N, C-alpha and C. Protein backbone atom coordinates (compact mmCIF):
# COMPACT_ATOMS: atom_id res chain seq x y z
N UNK A 1 9.01 43.19 55.80
CA UNK A 1 8.51 42.55 56.75
C UNK A 1 8.81 43.28 58.08
N UNK A 2 7.81 43.47 58.61
CA UNK A 2 7.64 44.08 59.88
C UNK A 2 8.13 43.72 61.36
N UNK A 3 8.66 42.54 61.30
CA UNK A 3 9.10 41.74 62.56
C UNK A 3 8.05 41.51 63.50
N UNK A 4 6.93 40.67 63.10
CA UNK A 4 6.32 39.82 63.92
C UNK A 4 5.39 38.71 63.34
N UNK A 5 5.44 37.64 63.97
CA UNK A 5 4.97 36.44 63.31
C UNK A 5 4.04 35.58 64.22
N UNK A 6 3.66 34.56 63.57
CA UNK A 6 2.86 33.71 64.61
C UNK A 6 3.03 32.40 64.19
N UNK A 7 2.61 31.44 65.11
CA UNK A 7 2.67 29.93 64.83
C UNK A 7 1.84 29.08 65.77
N UNK A 8 0.90 28.73 64.91
CA UNK A 8 -0.17 27.66 65.76
C UNK A 8 0.80 26.39 66.27
N UNK A 9 -0.14 25.57 67.01
CA UNK A 9 0.60 24.26 67.71
C UNK A 9 0.80 23.46 66.50
N UNK A 10 2.02 22.92 66.55
CA UNK A 10 2.56 21.76 65.64
C UNK A 10 3.21 20.66 66.17
N UNK A 11 2.70 19.53 65.75
CA UNK A 11 2.97 18.27 66.72
C UNK A 11 4.27 17.82 65.98
N UNK A 12 5.11 16.79 67.01
CA UNK A 12 6.00 16.27 66.46
C UNK A 12 5.91 15.35 65.01
N UNK A 13 4.77 14.94 64.91
CA UNK A 13 4.68 14.01 63.62
C UNK A 13 4.52 14.96 62.68
N UNK A 14 3.76 16.20 62.84
CA UNK A 14 4.01 17.14 61.39
C UNK A 14 5.07 17.71 61.37
N UNK A 15 5.97 18.05 62.31
CA UNK A 15 7.28 18.21 62.03
C UNK A 15 8.05 17.31 61.25
N UNK A 16 8.06 15.95 61.83
CA UNK A 16 8.76 15.03 60.95
C UNK A 16 8.24 14.72 59.77
N UNK A 17 6.86 14.92 59.27
CA UNK A 17 6.37 14.68 58.00
C UNK A 17 7.08 15.56 56.99
N UNK A 18 7.35 16.69 57.66
CA UNK A 18 8.13 18.13 56.55
C UNK A 18 9.52 17.88 56.84
N UNK A 19 9.99 17.16 57.94
CA UNK A 19 11.65 17.21 57.92
C UNK A 19 11.81 16.15 58.43
N UNK A 20 12.08 15.18 57.61
CA UNK A 20 11.94 13.87 57.99
C UNK A 20 13.37 13.19 58.95
N UNK A 21 14.57 13.83 58.71
CA UNK A 21 15.43 13.60 59.62
C UNK A 21 15.41 14.49 60.77
N UNK A 22 14.41 14.64 61.40
CA UNK A 22 14.38 15.29 62.72
C UNK A 22 14.28 14.18 63.45
N UNK A 23 15.09 14.37 64.81
CA UNK A 23 14.91 13.60 66.20
C UNK A 23 14.18 14.21 67.06
N UNK A 24 12.97 13.84 67.16
CA UNK A 24 12.28 14.40 68.34
C UNK A 24 12.66 14.06 69.79
N UNK A 25 13.09 14.89 70.57
CA UNK A 25 13.48 14.38 71.97
C UNK A 25 12.54 13.61 72.68
N UNK A 26 12.57 12.61 73.32
CA UNK A 26 11.42 11.39 73.96
C UNK A 26 10.99 12.23 75.11
N UNK A 27 9.77 12.22 75.26
CA UNK A 27 9.27 12.76 76.60
C UNK A 27 8.91 14.51 76.57
N UNK A 28 9.23 15.04 75.75
CA UNK A 28 9.13 16.47 75.70
C UNK A 28 8.17 17.16 74.63
N UNK A 29 7.51 17.73 75.05
CA UNK A 29 6.43 18.26 74.17
C UNK A 29 6.85 19.31 73.46
N UNK A 30 6.49 19.44 72.24
CA UNK A 30 6.67 20.34 70.94
C UNK A 30 6.40 21.71 71.60
N UNK A 31 6.98 22.89 71.14
CA UNK A 31 6.78 24.18 71.39
C UNK A 31 5.12 24.77 71.36
N UNK A 32 5.11 25.48 72.28
CA UNK A 32 3.64 25.72 72.51
C UNK A 32 3.25 27.11 71.07
N UNK A 33 2.34 26.77 70.96
CA UNK A 33 1.69 27.88 70.05
C UNK A 33 2.18 29.52 70.48
N UNK A 34 2.25 30.23 69.38
CA UNK A 34 2.74 31.66 70.01
C UNK A 34 2.12 32.54 68.77
N UNK A 35 1.41 33.73 69.28
CA UNK A 35 0.73 34.41 68.25
C UNK A 35 1.00 35.89 67.92
N UNK A 36 2.39 36.36 68.75
CA UNK A 36 3.07 37.60 68.72
C UNK A 36 4.33 37.47 68.98
N UNK A 37 5.21 36.76 67.98
CA UNK A 37 6.61 36.57 68.11
C UNK A 37 7.24 37.75 67.41
N UNK A 38 8.26 38.33 68.26
CA UNK A 38 8.92 39.65 68.13
C UNK A 38 10.33 39.31 68.03
N UNK A 39 11.41 40.32 67.52
CA UNK A 39 12.53 40.23 67.49
C UNK A 39 12.93 40.23 68.96
N UNK A 40 13.99 39.73 69.37
CA UNK A 40 14.47 39.51 70.77
C UNK A 40 13.90 38.42 71.70
N UNK A 41 12.86 37.57 71.11
CA UNK A 41 12.37 36.59 71.66
C UNK A 41 12.94 35.08 71.14
N UNK A 42 13.09 34.18 72.00
CA UNK A 42 13.60 32.91 71.81
C UNK A 42 12.47 32.04 71.17
N UNK A 43 12.78 31.33 69.85
CA UNK A 43 11.56 30.58 69.32
C UNK A 43 12.61 29.35 68.64
N UNK A 44 11.51 28.39 68.26
CA UNK A 44 12.43 27.19 67.45
C UNK A 44 12.66 27.44 66.13
N UNK A 45 13.49 26.88 65.92
CA UNK A 45 14.35 26.80 64.07
C UNK A 45 14.73 25.28 64.06
N UNK A 46 14.32 24.90 62.73
CA UNK A 46 14.72 23.53 62.27
C UNK A 46 16.18 23.81 61.65
N UNK A 47 16.95 22.80 62.07
CA UNK A 47 18.56 22.89 61.10
C UNK A 47 18.92 21.79 61.35
N UNK A 48 20.10 21.40 60.68
CA UNK A 48 21.11 20.29 60.82
C UNK A 48 21.66 20.46 62.08
N UNK A 49 21.78 19.13 62.79
CA UNK A 49 22.59 19.38 64.00
C UNK A 49 23.94 19.47 63.73
N UNK A 50 24.36 20.82 64.32
CA UNK A 50 25.92 21.45 64.13
C UNK A 50 26.75 20.25 64.60
N UNK A 51 28.22 20.63 64.09
CA UNK A 51 29.45 19.87 64.26
C UNK A 51 29.38 18.31 64.03
N UNK A 52 28.59 18.01 62.74
CA UNK A 52 28.77 16.81 62.21
C UNK A 52 29.68 16.87 60.65
N UNK A 53 30.61 17.43 60.55
CA UNK A 53 31.38 17.25 59.41
C UNK A 53 31.65 16.10 58.77
N UNK A 54 31.16 15.88 57.39
CA UNK A 54 31.46 14.39 56.94
C UNK A 54 30.55 13.24 57.25
N UNK A 55 29.37 13.57 58.20
CA UNK A 55 28.54 12.67 58.51
C UNK A 55 27.15 13.02 58.05
N UNK A 56 26.47 12.05 57.77
CA UNK A 56 24.89 12.18 57.55
C UNK A 56 24.01 13.33 58.27
N UNK A 57 23.47 13.99 57.93
CA UNK A 57 22.85 14.98 58.65
C UNK A 57 21.61 14.59 59.54
N UNK A 58 21.77 15.00 60.70
CA UNK A 58 20.24 14.77 61.79
C UNK A 58 19.91 16.17 61.94
N UNK A 59 18.34 16.23 61.81
CA UNK A 59 17.70 17.48 62.05
C UNK A 59 17.40 17.42 63.81
N UNK A 60 17.31 18.75 63.84
CA UNK A 60 16.80 19.15 65.23
C UNK A 60 15.84 20.39 65.30
N UNK A 61 15.13 20.71 66.45
CA UNK A 61 14.40 21.88 66.68
C UNK A 61 14.90 22.26 67.81
N UNK A 62 15.61 23.53 67.48
CA UNK A 62 16.32 24.33 68.61
C UNK A 62 16.06 25.56 68.90
N UNK A 63 16.02 26.12 70.09
CA UNK A 63 15.72 27.18 70.43
C UNK A 63 16.90 28.41 70.21
N UNK A 64 16.62 29.43 69.65
CA UNK A 64 17.34 30.54 69.07
C UNK A 64 16.59 32.00 69.46
N UNK A 65 17.56 33.10 69.65
CA UNK A 65 16.81 34.26 69.58
C UNK A 65 16.76 34.73 68.19
N UNK A 66 15.77 35.44 68.20
CA UNK A 66 15.38 36.04 66.87
C UNK A 66 15.99 37.34 66.76
N UNK A 67 17.33 37.67 66.00
CA UNK A 67 17.87 38.72 65.75
C UNK A 67 19.76 38.33 65.78
N UNK A 68 19.84 37.83 64.63
CA UNK A 68 21.18 37.35 64.15
C UNK A 68 22.39 38.00 64.93
N UNK A 69 23.24 37.23 65.59
CA UNK A 69 24.48 38.13 66.22
C UNK A 69 25.25 37.11 65.52
N UNK A 70 26.27 37.89 64.62
CA UNK A 70 27.11 37.01 63.82
C UNK A 70 28.62 36.64 64.61
N UNK A 71 29.08 35.45 64.15
CA UNK A 71 30.21 34.49 65.16
C UNK A 71 31.25 35.80 65.67
N UNK A 72 31.42 36.63 64.62
CA UNK A 72 32.57 37.69 64.97
C UNK A 72 32.51 38.60 65.92
N UNK A 73 31.17 38.88 66.41
CA UNK A 73 30.70 39.92 67.32
C UNK A 73 31.13 39.14 68.66
N UNK A 74 31.76 40.16 69.48
CA UNK A 74 32.36 39.83 70.74
C UNK A 74 32.07 40.65 71.88
N UNK A 75 31.47 41.99 71.44
CA UNK A 75 30.95 42.62 72.53
C UNK A 75 29.93 42.31 73.12
N UNK A 76 29.20 42.93 74.17
CA UNK A 76 27.99 42.75 75.02
C UNK A 76 26.87 43.12 74.03
N UNK A 77 25.68 42.27 73.85
CA UNK A 77 24.59 42.63 73.10
C UNK A 77 24.17 43.94 73.38
N UNK A 78 24.11 44.72 74.51
CA UNK A 78 23.64 45.99 74.57
C UNK A 78 24.41 46.69 73.83
N UNK A 79 25.62 46.62 73.20
CA UNK A 79 26.41 47.69 72.33
C UNK A 79 26.11 47.17 70.79
N UNK A 80 25.24 46.16 70.43
CA UNK A 80 24.89 45.88 69.09
C UNK A 80 23.81 46.92 68.65
N UNK A 81 23.99 47.90 68.09
CA UNK A 81 23.13 48.66 67.50
C UNK A 81 22.58 48.78 66.00
N UNK A 82 22.98 47.66 65.29
CA UNK A 82 22.20 47.55 63.89
C UNK A 82 21.30 46.25 64.08
N UNK A 83 20.34 46.48 62.89
CA UNK A 83 19.23 45.50 63.08
C UNK A 83 19.41 44.16 62.41
N UNK A 84 19.11 42.97 62.87
CA UNK A 84 19.43 41.76 62.24
C UNK A 84 18.56 40.93 62.23
N UNK A 85 17.26 41.16 62.48
CA UNK A 85 16.38 40.17 62.66
C UNK A 85 15.79 39.75 61.22
N UNK A 86 16.29 40.46 60.17
CA UNK A 86 15.86 40.26 58.91
C UNK A 86 16.92 40.40 58.04
N UNK A 87 17.16 39.59 56.66
CA UNK A 87 18.38 39.69 56.11
C UNK A 87 17.62 39.74 54.45
N UNK A 88 17.91 40.78 53.88
CA UNK A 88 17.59 40.88 52.32
C UNK A 88 18.20 39.82 51.38
N UNK A 89 17.21 39.27 50.71
CA UNK A 89 17.95 37.95 49.77
C UNK A 89 18.67 38.36 48.87
N UNK A 90 18.54 39.77 48.44
CA UNK A 90 19.33 40.27 47.14
C UNK A 90 20.96 40.50 47.55
N UNK A 91 21.21 40.61 48.91
CA UNK A 91 22.49 41.29 49.48
C UNK A 91 22.95 40.27 50.27
N UNK A 92 22.47 39.17 50.56
CA UNK A 92 22.80 38.20 51.55
C UNK A 92 24.07 37.49 51.70
N UNK A 93 24.29 37.19 50.27
CA UNK A 93 25.64 36.41 50.19
C UNK A 93 27.21 37.51 50.17
N UNK A 94 26.65 38.66 50.41
CA UNK A 94 27.89 39.72 50.20
C UNK A 94 27.93 40.46 51.55
N UNK A 95 26.57 40.49 52.15
CA UNK A 95 26.80 41.20 53.72
C UNK A 95 27.78 40.71 54.51
N UNK A 96 28.48 41.67 55.07
CA UNK A 96 29.28 41.16 56.21
C UNK A 96 28.74 40.78 57.42
N UNK A 97 27.29 40.88 57.81
CA UNK A 97 26.41 40.36 58.90
C UNK A 97 26.07 39.08 58.45
N UNK A 98 25.72 38.78 57.28
CA UNK A 98 24.96 37.38 57.16
C UNK A 98 25.67 36.39 56.22
N UNK A 99 26.60 36.74 55.53
CA UNK A 99 27.20 36.03 54.75
C UNK A 99 27.97 34.87 55.01
N UNK A 100 28.43 34.77 56.53
CA UNK A 100 28.87 33.56 56.88
C UNK A 100 27.99 32.59 57.23
N UNK A 101 26.65 32.99 57.70
CA UNK A 101 25.55 31.97 58.07
C UNK A 101 25.05 31.52 56.88
N UNK A 102 25.05 32.40 55.58
CA UNK A 102 24.43 32.02 54.69
C UNK A 102 25.24 30.80 53.87
N UNK A 103 26.30 30.88 54.29
CA UNK A 103 27.44 30.02 53.72
C UNK A 103 27.65 28.68 54.59
N UNK A 104 27.35 28.84 55.81
CA UNK A 104 27.32 27.57 56.70
C UNK A 104 26.27 27.25 57.23
N UNK A 105 25.32 27.85 57.80
CA UNK A 105 24.17 27.95 58.78
C UNK A 105 22.99 28.28 58.52
N UNK A 106 22.24 27.68 57.37
CA UNK A 106 21.09 27.90 57.02
C UNK A 106 19.97 27.11 58.15
N UNK A 107 19.00 27.72 57.95
CA UNK A 107 17.76 27.09 58.89
C UNK A 107 16.36 27.42 58.41
N UNK A 108 15.34 26.35 58.76
CA UNK A 108 14.09 26.84 58.72
C UNK A 108 13.26 27.36 59.68
N UNK A 109 12.41 28.23 59.80
CA UNK A 109 11.82 28.84 60.82
C UNK A 109 10.16 28.58 60.77
N UNK A 110 9.91 27.58 61.33
CA UNK A 110 8.60 27.51 61.42
C UNK A 110 7.34 28.37 61.62
N UNK A 111 6.29 28.68 61.03
CA UNK A 111 5.29 29.93 61.16
C UNK A 111 4.05 29.34 60.87
N UNK A 112 3.03 30.22 61.05
CA UNK A 112 1.62 29.66 60.58
C UNK A 112 1.39 31.09 59.80
N UNK A 113 2.01 32.29 60.19
CA UNK A 113 1.64 33.50 59.33
C UNK A 113 2.39 34.72 60.06
N UNK A 114 2.41 35.77 59.33
CA UNK A 114 2.91 37.05 59.95
C UNK A 114 2.23 38.38 59.48
N UNK A 115 2.78 39.38 60.52
CA UNK A 115 2.03 40.38 60.30
C UNK A 115 2.60 41.71 59.88
N UNK A 116 1.86 42.52 59.08
CA UNK A 116 2.37 43.60 58.52
C UNK A 116 1.43 44.82 58.65
N UNK A 117 1.82 46.17 58.66
CA UNK A 117 1.00 47.20 59.09
C UNK A 117 0.95 48.17 57.69
N UNK A 118 0.04 48.85 57.39
CA UNK A 118 -0.42 49.56 56.30
C UNK A 118 -1.06 50.68 56.64
N UNK A 119 -0.80 52.04 55.99
CA UNK A 119 -1.71 53.24 55.93
C UNK A 119 -0.87 54.28 56.73
N UNK A 120 -1.32 55.36 56.84
CA UNK A 120 -0.48 56.77 57.54
C UNK A 120 -0.07 56.52 58.73
N UNK A 121 0.74 57.14 59.29
CA UNK A 121 1.21 57.08 60.65
C UNK A 121 -0.03 57.58 61.35
N UNK A 122 -0.13 57.08 62.39
CA UNK A 122 -1.18 57.13 63.62
C UNK A 122 -2.50 56.54 63.27
N UNK A 123 -2.52 55.88 62.13
CA UNK A 123 -3.76 55.04 61.37
C UNK A 123 -3.51 54.06 60.81
N UNK A 124 -2.24 53.49 61.12
CA UNK A 124 -1.90 51.96 60.54
C UNK A 124 -2.65 51.11 60.83
N UNK A 125 -2.88 50.20 59.95
CA UNK A 125 -3.83 48.81 60.16
C UNK A 125 -2.81 47.81 59.88
N UNK A 126 -3.08 46.80 61.03
CA UNK A 126 -2.20 45.88 60.83
C UNK A 126 -3.02 44.51 60.41
N UNK A 127 -2.21 43.90 59.40
CA UNK A 127 -2.94 42.70 58.69
C UNK A 127 -2.06 41.57 59.05
N UNK A 128 -2.81 40.41 59.01
CA UNK A 128 -2.08 39.21 59.28
C UNK A 128 -1.91 38.46 57.85
N UNK A 129 -1.13 37.63 57.30
CA UNK A 129 -0.91 36.64 56.09
C UNK A 129 -0.56 35.66 56.49
N UNK A 130 -0.98 34.64 55.60
CA UNK A 130 -0.78 33.32 55.68
C UNK A 130 -0.98 32.34 54.38
N UNK A 131 -0.66 31.13 54.46
CA UNK A 131 -1.01 30.26 53.35
C UNK A 131 -2.31 29.66 53.26
N UNK A 132 -2.90 29.57 52.03
CA UNK A 132 -4.20 28.97 52.09
C UNK A 132 -4.12 27.36 52.23
N UNK A 133 -5.10 27.10 53.09
CA UNK A 133 -5.06 25.19 53.37
C UNK A 133 -3.98 24.97 53.73
N UNK A 134 -2.96 25.93 54.72
CA UNK A 134 -1.82 25.39 55.28
C UNK A 134 -1.52 25.86 56.48
N UNK A 135 -1.75 24.84 57.56
CA UNK A 135 -1.78 25.47 59.08
C UNK A 135 -0.36 25.93 59.48
N UNK A 136 0.74 25.35 58.86
CA UNK A 136 2.17 25.82 59.05
C UNK A 136 2.97 25.85 57.85
N UNK A 137 4.07 26.59 57.80
CA UNK A 137 4.95 26.37 56.65
C UNK A 137 6.42 26.62 57.43
N UNK A 138 7.53 27.11 56.60
CA UNK A 138 8.67 27.63 57.13
C UNK A 138 9.27 28.71 56.24
N UNK A 139 9.86 29.70 57.02
CA UNK A 139 10.58 30.76 56.42
C UNK A 139 12.16 30.20 56.10
N UNK A 140 12.56 31.03 55.14
CA UNK A 140 14.19 30.72 55.01
C UNK A 140 14.76 31.47 56.12
N UNK A 141 15.81 30.73 56.91
CA UNK A 141 16.27 31.28 57.79
C UNK A 141 17.85 31.06 57.85
N UNK A 142 18.57 32.14 58.56
CA UNK A 142 20.02 31.81 58.75
C UNK A 142 20.15 31.77 60.31
N UNK A 143 21.03 30.73 60.71
CA UNK A 143 21.51 30.96 62.12
C UNK A 143 22.80 31.14 62.53
N UNK A 144 23.48 31.51 63.75
CA UNK A 144 25.02 31.84 63.88
C UNK A 144 24.97 31.42 65.32
N UNK A 145 26.21 31.45 65.35
CA UNK A 145 26.42 30.99 66.90
C UNK A 145 27.59 32.10 67.62
N UNK A 146 27.60 32.91 68.59
CA UNK A 146 28.38 33.68 69.06
C UNK A 146 28.81 33.70 70.23
N UNK A 147 29.78 34.02 71.00
CA UNK A 147 30.60 33.95 72.38
C UNK A 147 30.32 35.01 72.96
N UNK A 148 29.36 35.42 73.80
CA UNK A 148 28.90 36.83 74.55
C UNK A 148 29.09 36.55 75.89
N UNK A 149 30.18 37.41 76.57
CA UNK A 149 30.30 37.45 78.08
C UNK A 149 30.62 35.75 78.45
N UNK A 150 31.42 35.12 77.58
CA UNK A 150 31.74 33.68 78.10
C UNK A 150 30.46 32.69 77.63
N UNK A 151 29.52 32.90 77.30
CA UNK A 151 28.50 31.98 77.03
C UNK A 151 28.11 31.97 75.52
N UNK A 152 27.91 30.84 74.85
CA UNK A 152 27.24 30.59 73.49
C UNK A 152 25.95 31.00 73.39
N UNK A 153 25.61 31.75 72.31
CA UNK A 153 24.03 32.32 72.10
C UNK A 153 24.12 31.75 70.44
N UNK A 154 22.91 31.31 70.34
CA UNK A 154 22.12 30.83 69.11
C UNK A 154 21.36 31.97 68.73
N UNK A 155 21.65 32.33 67.69
CA UNK A 155 20.46 33.62 67.02
C UNK A 155 20.08 33.34 65.40
N UNK A 156 19.05 33.83 65.21
CA UNK A 156 18.60 33.67 63.68
C UNK A 156 17.97 35.01 63.09
N UNK A 157 17.95 34.95 61.90
CA UNK A 157 17.46 36.03 60.98
C UNK A 157 16.46 35.28 59.80
N UNK A 158 15.43 35.86 59.46
CA UNK A 158 14.58 35.47 58.50
C UNK A 158 14.80 36.13 57.11
N UNK A 159 15.09 35.53 56.04
CA UNK A 159 15.07 36.35 54.67
C UNK A 159 14.04 37.25 54.34
N UNK A 160 14.31 38.02 53.50
CA UNK A 160 13.23 38.73 52.87
C UNK A 160 13.22 38.98 51.43
N UNK A 161 12.00 39.10 50.59
CA UNK A 161 11.97 39.04 49.52
C UNK A 161 11.23 40.53 49.14
N UNK A 162 11.02 40.69 47.70
CA UNK A 162 9.82 41.45 47.08
C UNK A 162 8.46 40.83 47.68
N UNK A 163 7.55 41.76 47.30
CA UNK A 163 6.24 41.46 47.53
C UNK A 163 5.63 40.77 46.54
N UNK A 164 4.68 39.96 46.70
CA UNK A 164 3.72 39.30 45.89
C UNK A 164 2.52 40.25 45.74
N UNK A 165 1.78 39.66 44.83
CA UNK A 165 0.29 40.76 44.46
C UNK A 165 -0.45 40.69 45.72
N UNK A 166 -0.41 39.87 46.65
CA UNK A 166 -1.29 39.94 47.97
C UNK A 166 -0.60 41.04 48.80
N UNK A 167 0.78 41.14 48.79
CA UNK A 167 1.47 42.02 49.90
C UNK A 167 1.81 43.13 49.55
N UNK A 168 1.69 43.24 47.89
CA UNK A 168 2.30 44.75 47.50
C UNK A 168 1.58 45.67 47.96
N UNK A 169 0.32 45.74 48.14
CA UNK A 169 -0.51 46.87 48.73
C UNK A 169 -0.13 47.30 50.17
N UNK A 170 0.29 46.30 50.88
CA UNK A 170 0.52 46.36 52.20
C UNK A 170 1.97 46.56 52.60
N UNK A 171 2.97 46.03 52.14
CA UNK A 171 4.32 46.00 52.30
C UNK A 171 5.33 46.10 51.26
N UNK A 172 6.71 46.73 51.45
CA UNK A 172 7.42 46.48 50.21
C UNK A 172 8.28 45.13 50.34
N UNK A 173 8.27 44.42 51.40
CA UNK A 173 8.95 43.46 51.47
C UNK A 173 8.10 42.30 52.16
N UNK A 174 8.37 40.98 52.11
CA UNK A 174 7.84 39.96 52.75
C UNK A 174 8.88 38.88 52.63
N UNK A 175 8.52 37.61 53.77
CA UNK A 175 9.40 36.74 54.13
C UNK A 175 9.51 35.74 52.96
N UNK A 176 10.99 35.37 52.95
CA UNK A 176 10.97 34.00 51.86
C UNK A 176 10.29 32.80 52.58
N UNK A 177 9.54 32.43 51.80
CA UNK A 177 8.50 31.21 52.13
C UNK A 177 8.86 30.17 51.19
N UNK A 178 9.29 28.92 51.85
CA UNK A 178 9.62 27.69 50.99
C UNK A 178 8.79 26.79 50.99
N UNK A 179 8.77 26.22 49.99
CA UNK A 179 7.74 24.82 49.81
C UNK A 179 8.47 23.43 50.56
N UNK A 180 7.83 22.68 51.22
CA UNK A 180 8.28 21.50 51.93
C UNK A 180 9.34 20.51 50.90
N UNK A 181 9.11 20.81 49.58
CA UNK A 181 9.96 20.01 48.73
C UNK A 181 11.64 20.74 48.41
N UNK A 182 11.60 21.81 49.01
CA UNK A 182 12.77 23.08 48.91
C UNK A 182 13.62 22.86 50.43
N UNK A 183 12.76 22.50 51.44
CA UNK A 183 13.74 22.44 52.79
C UNK A 183 14.86 21.85 52.48
N UNK A 184 15.12 20.51 52.20
CA UNK A 184 16.42 19.86 52.31
C UNK A 184 17.61 20.71 51.53
N UNK A 185 17.19 21.14 50.15
CA UNK A 185 17.94 21.78 49.36
C UNK A 185 18.44 23.08 50.10
N UNK A 186 17.65 24.00 50.59
CA UNK A 186 17.67 24.92 51.47
C UNK A 186 18.82 24.84 52.68
N UNK A 187 18.78 23.71 53.26
CA UNK A 187 19.59 23.56 54.31
C UNK A 187 20.98 22.86 54.20
N UNK A 188 21.15 22.43 52.86
CA UNK A 188 22.07 21.74 52.31
C UNK A 188 23.25 23.01 51.69
N UNK A 189 24.16 23.23 52.80
CA UNK A 189 24.90 24.37 52.53
C UNK A 189 26.00 24.32 51.44
N UNK A 190 26.15 23.00 50.84
CA UNK A 190 26.88 22.81 49.92
C UNK A 190 26.44 23.15 48.85
N UNK A 191 24.93 23.32 48.59
CA UNK A 191 24.21 23.92 47.16
C UNK A 191 24.32 25.41 47.47
N UNK A 192 24.78 26.06 46.69
CA UNK A 192 25.03 27.36 46.62
C UNK A 192 24.04 28.22 45.81
N UNK A 193 23.55 27.53 44.61
CA UNK A 193 22.63 27.95 43.74
C UNK A 193 21.23 27.93 44.23
N UNK A 194 20.80 28.90 44.89
CA UNK A 194 19.55 28.89 45.81
C UNK A 194 18.74 29.93 45.41
N UNK A 195 19.18 30.99 44.47
CA UNK A 195 18.47 32.25 44.43
C UNK A 195 17.22 31.99 43.95
N UNK A 196 17.00 30.56 42.97
CA UNK A 196 15.57 30.92 42.48
C UNK A 196 14.45 30.56 43.77
N UNK A 197 15.18 30.07 44.89
CA UNK A 197 14.10 30.17 46.36
C UNK A 197 13.60 31.26 46.65
N UNK A 198 14.40 32.21 46.19
CA UNK A 198 14.03 33.71 46.97
C UNK A 198 12.84 34.27 46.28
N UNK A 199 12.27 33.63 45.09
CA UNK A 199 11.12 34.32 44.55
C UNK A 199 10.01 34.57 45.37
N UNK A 200 9.25 35.54 45.42
CA UNK A 200 8.00 35.85 46.24
C UNK A 200 7.03 34.39 46.19
N UNK A 201 6.41 34.01 47.32
CA UNK A 201 5.51 32.99 47.18
C UNK A 201 4.30 33.29 46.25
N UNK A 202 3.84 32.18 45.74
CA UNK A 202 2.58 32.69 44.75
C UNK A 202 1.30 33.30 45.20
N UNK A 203 1.13 34.49 44.75
CA UNK A 203 -0.09 35.09 45.54
C UNK A 203 -1.41 34.17 45.67
N UNK A 204 -1.46 33.47 44.59
CA UNK A 204 -2.69 32.70 44.63
C UNK A 204 -2.80 31.58 45.67
N UNK A 205 -1.59 31.37 46.08
CA UNK A 205 -1.67 30.37 47.46
C UNK A 205 -1.66 31.17 48.82
N UNK A 206 -1.59 32.49 48.84
CA UNK A 206 -1.86 33.18 49.88
C UNK A 206 -2.74 34.14 50.28
N UNK A 207 -3.16 34.44 51.42
CA UNK A 207 -4.23 35.43 51.72
C UNK A 207 -3.81 36.38 52.82
N UNK A 208 -4.55 37.53 53.01
CA UNK A 208 -4.29 38.48 54.10
C UNK A 208 -5.51 39.00 54.38
N UNK A 209 -5.51 39.46 55.90
CA UNK A 209 -6.91 39.99 56.49
C UNK A 209 -6.42 40.98 57.49
N UNK A 210 -7.18 41.82 57.82
CA UNK A 210 -7.33 42.78 58.64
C UNK A 210 -7.37 42.14 60.16
N UNK A 211 -6.56 42.71 61.15
CA UNK A 211 -6.51 42.19 62.57
C UNK A 211 -6.42 43.30 63.27
N UNK A 212 -6.90 43.20 64.56
CA UNK A 212 -7.05 44.14 65.60
C UNK A 212 -5.76 44.96 66.03
N UNK A 213 -5.59 46.05 66.87
CA UNK A 213 -4.56 46.62 67.13
C UNK A 213 -3.73 45.84 68.13
N UNK A 214 -4.39 44.80 68.76
CA UNK A 214 -3.57 44.35 69.97
C UNK A 214 -2.28 43.89 69.45
N UNK A 215 -2.29 43.27 68.27
CA UNK A 215 -0.92 42.81 67.67
C UNK A 215 0.28 43.47 67.84
N UNK A 216 -0.05 44.95 68.27
CA UNK A 216 0.98 45.82 68.41
C UNK A 216 1.72 45.72 69.81
N UNK A 217 1.11 44.90 70.62
CA UNK A 217 1.51 44.74 72.19
C UNK A 217 2.04 43.30 72.26
N UNK A 218 3.21 43.05 72.22
CA UNK A 218 4.05 42.14 72.45
C UNK A 218 3.60 41.08 73.74
N UNK A 219 3.08 41.75 74.61
CA UNK A 219 2.58 40.99 75.95
C UNK A 219 1.38 40.13 75.80
N UNK A 220 0.71 40.43 74.42
CA UNK A 220 -0.65 39.82 73.95
C UNK A 220 0.00 38.41 73.41
N UNK A 221 -0.35 37.37 73.48
CA UNK A 221 0.08 36.39 72.76
C UNK A 221 -0.87 35.20 72.56
N UNK A 222 -2.28 35.59 72.66
CA UNK A 222 -3.45 34.80 72.49
C UNK A 222 -3.82 34.77 71.03
N UNK A 223 -4.33 33.72 70.60
CA UNK A 223 -4.79 33.21 69.34
C UNK A 223 -5.58 34.11 68.59
N UNK A 224 -6.34 34.98 69.33
CA UNK A 224 -7.48 36.02 68.91
C UNK A 224 -6.59 36.89 67.89
N UNK A 225 -5.03 37.31 68.33
CA UNK A 225 -4.53 38.48 67.62
C UNK A 225 -4.91 37.74 66.09
N UNK A 226 -4.52 36.86 65.65
CA UNK A 226 -4.68 36.39 64.25
C UNK A 226 -6.04 36.35 63.69
N UNK A 227 -7.08 36.70 64.40
CA UNK A 227 -8.37 36.36 63.86
C UNK A 227 -8.54 37.68 63.32
N UNK A 228 -9.51 37.63 62.07
CA UNK A 228 -9.94 38.91 61.27
C UNK A 228 -10.97 39.61 61.93
N UNK A 229 -10.89 41.03 61.78
CA UNK A 229 -11.69 41.98 62.51
C UNK A 229 -12.59 42.60 61.34
């Protein structure tokens, strides 16, 4: 996974239809569409409301920075020199960086598609990939909360898996995409047997298409970025 994805407009009703326990904040509009989301940006994640041990879960759509900072990290973010915006599903349960979040803080990352680059250096072609007949879906994610310079910061990572037949000619990895019927199971941290959810999403339900080079410029957030060229 290259580290860019996009999300169309999603209404509160659509979020709640997929995540029934979500409490939509009254009088607040859902997050705007974004078409060039990159690591280091703050974007919405779906998760169980934290700090409710022993009580029925309540869902929330919360802002988090893309690039997980583990709870044990106490130094300034400027000193963090390791990549944490994605986590390999094969090693996530044992990783020093991700295993705590995997055990205690799973989340969903709403998306409409993601970008990958393919080809030789200097002539790499960007592609967008998404699901057929689905305006939005969710990646499997992990979140964590760290205390940095006296302030709490929520961050997240996206799990990656081996590519399916659609993505194999473009990239060696792809995000873990969950079906709506698996959202509750993924978020239930008491459920430890979730490795079957890491299988690549069926190729028959996905498609990929070439897009323009402007997707490499994070300042451009327009919907034309995801259009086929």
